[in-house]
């Protein structure tokens, strides 16, 4: 039983790191203007920044409080 909880927690941590790295990559991609500079890309930038901050908070909570 304890092993399953431990594996589940490690799985959540690894998924959090993956989501954080993917959202950071998207933020960097849209912020550098690599894709065509348009209103759609600016909108994607704001959405990806929100997603990045959300993932950062989740990752911080998992690391700090071992949720």
C-alpha atoms as a PDB file:
ATOM      1  CA  UNK A   1       0.000   0.000   0.000  1.00  0.00           C
ATOM      2  CA  UNK A   2       2.762   2.448   0.926  1.00  0.00           C
ATOM      3  CA  UNK A   3       4.678   1.539  -2.222  1.00  0.00           C
ATOM      4  CA  UNK A   4       1.700   2.448  -4.393  1.00  0.00           C
ATOM      5  CA  UNK A   5       1.380   5.831  -2.707  1.00  0.00           C
ATOM      6  CA  UNK A   6       5.107   6.441  -3.129  1.00  0.00           C
ATOM      7  CA  UNK A   7       5.015   5.456  -6.813  1.00  0.00           C
ATOM      8  CA  UNK A   8       1.972   7.666  -7.362  1.00  0.00           C
ATOM      9  CA  UNK A   9       3.749  10.635  -5.779  1.00  0.00           C
ATOM     10  CA  UNK A  10       6.843  10.093  -7.917  1.00  0.00           C
ATOM     11  CA  UNK A  11       4.647   9.823 -10.998  1.00  0.00           C
ATOM     12  CA  UNK A  12       2.959  13.136 -10.153  1.00  0.00           C
ATOM     13  CA  UNK A  13       6.349  14.792  -9.653  1.00  0.00           C
ATOM     14  CA  UNK A  14       7.676  13.537 -12.974  1.00  0.00           C
ATOM     15  CA  UNK A  15       4.510  14.604 -14.795  1.00  0.00           C
ATOM     16  CA  UNK A  16       4.797  18.022 -13.181  1.00  0.00           C
ATOM     17  CA  UNK A  17       8.403  18.391 -14.377  1.00  0.00           C
ATOM     18  CA  UNK A  18       7.413  17.347 -17.891  1.00  0.00           C
ATOM     19  CA  UNK A  19       4.491  19.780 -18.023  1.00  0.00           C
ATOM     20  CA  UNK A  20       6.698  22.556 -16.666  1.00  0.00           C
ATOM     21  CA  UNK A  21       9.392  21.981 -19.276  1.00  0.00           C
ATOM     22  CA  UNK A  22       6.904  21.780 -22.147  1.00  0.00           C
ATOM     23  CA  UNK A  23       5.145  24.972 -21.093  1.00  0.00           C
ATOM     24  CA  UNK A  24       8.485  26.752 -20.674  1.00  0.00           C
ATOM     25  CA  UNK A  25       9.477  25.693 -24.192  1.00  0.00           C
ATOM     26  CA  UNK A  26       6.204  27.038 -25.599  1.00  0.00           C
ATOM     27  CA  UNK A  27       6.625  30.317 -23.703  1.00  0.00           C
ATOM     28  CA  UNK A  28      10.144  30.720 -25.053  1.00  0.00           C
ATOM     29  CA  UNK A  29       9.060  29.804 -28.569  1.00  0.00           C
ATOM     30  CA  UNK A  30       6.242  32.339 -28.639  1.00  0.00           C
ATOM     31  CA  UNK A  31       8.201  35.070 -26.859  1.00  0.00           C
ATOM     32  CA  UNK A  32      11.147  35.050 -29.250  1.00  0.00           C
ATOM     33  CA  UNK A  33       8.950  35.691 -32.263  1.00  0.00           C
ATOM     34  CA  UNK A  34      10.133  32.511 -33.957  1.00  0.00           C
ATOM     35  CA  UNK A  35       6.611  31.976 -35.193  1.00  0.00           C
ATOM     36  CA  UNK A  36       5.121  34.795 -37.253  1.00  0.00           C
ATOM     37  CA  UNK A  37       4.393  37.882 -35.196  1.00  0.00           C
ATOM     38  CA  UNK A  38       0.625  38.224 -35.161  1.00  0.00           C
ATOM     39  CA  UNK A  39      -2.271  38.679 -32.757  1.00  0.00           C
ATOM     40  CA  UNK A  40      -2.729  34.925 -32.548  1.00  0.00           C
ATOM     41  CA  UNK A  41       0.831  34.376 -31.398  1.00  0.00           C
ATOM     42  CA  UNK A  42       0.518  37.131 -28.799  1.00  0.00           C
ATOM     43  CA  UNK A  43      -2.660  35.459 -27.540  1.00  0.00           C
ATOM     44  CA  UNK A  44      -0.831  32.112 -27.402  1.00  0.00           C
ATOM     45  CA  UNK A  45       1.981  33.800 -25.484  1.00  0.00           C
ATOM     46  CA  UNK A  46      -0.376  35.027 -22.776  1.00  0.00           C
ATOM     47  CA  UNK A  47      -2.096  31.658 -22.522  1.00  0.00           C
ATOM     48  CA  UNK A  48       1.213  29.801 -22.353  1.00  0.00           C
ATOM     49  CA  UNK A  49       2.482  32.195 -19.662  1.00  0.00           C
ATOM     50  CA  UNK A  50      -0.606  31.457 -17.586  1.00  0.00           C
ATOM     51  CA  UNK A  51      -0.122  27.709 -18.084  1.00  0.00           C
ATOM     52  CA  UNK A  52       3.554  28.001 -17.166  1.00  0.00           C
ATOM     53  CA  UNK A  53       2.783  29.873 -13.944  1.00  0.00           C
ATOM     54  CA  UNK A  54       0.064  27.348 -13.070  1.00  0.00           C
ATOM     55  CA  UNK A  55       2.486  24.450 -13.620  1.00  0.00           C
ATOM     56  CA  UNK A  56       5.149  26.259 -11.607  1.00  0.00           C
ATOM     57  CA  UNK A  57       2.798  26.592  -8.629  1.00  0.00           C
ATOM     58  CA  UNK A  58       1.797  22.915  -8.865  1.00  0.00           C
ATOM     59  CA  UNK A  59       5.445  21.870  -9.072  1.00  0.00           C
ATOM     60  CA  UNK A  60       6.344  24.073  -6.110  1.00  0.00           C
ATOM     61  CA  UNK A  61       3.545  22.575  -4.015  1.00  0.00           C
ATOM     62  CA  UNK A  62       4.620  19.034  -4.899  1.00  0.00           C
ATOM     63  CA  UNK A  63       8.223  19.752  -3.977  1.00  0.00           C
ATOM     64  CA  UNK A  64       7.594  21.829  -0.859  1.00  0.00           C
ATOM     65  CA  UNK A  65       4.728  20.073   0.866  1.00  0.00           C
ATOM     66  CA  UNK A  66       4.917  16.580  -0.639  1.00  0.00           C
ATOM     67  CA  UNK A  67       1.280  16.626  -1.657  1.00  0.00           C
END
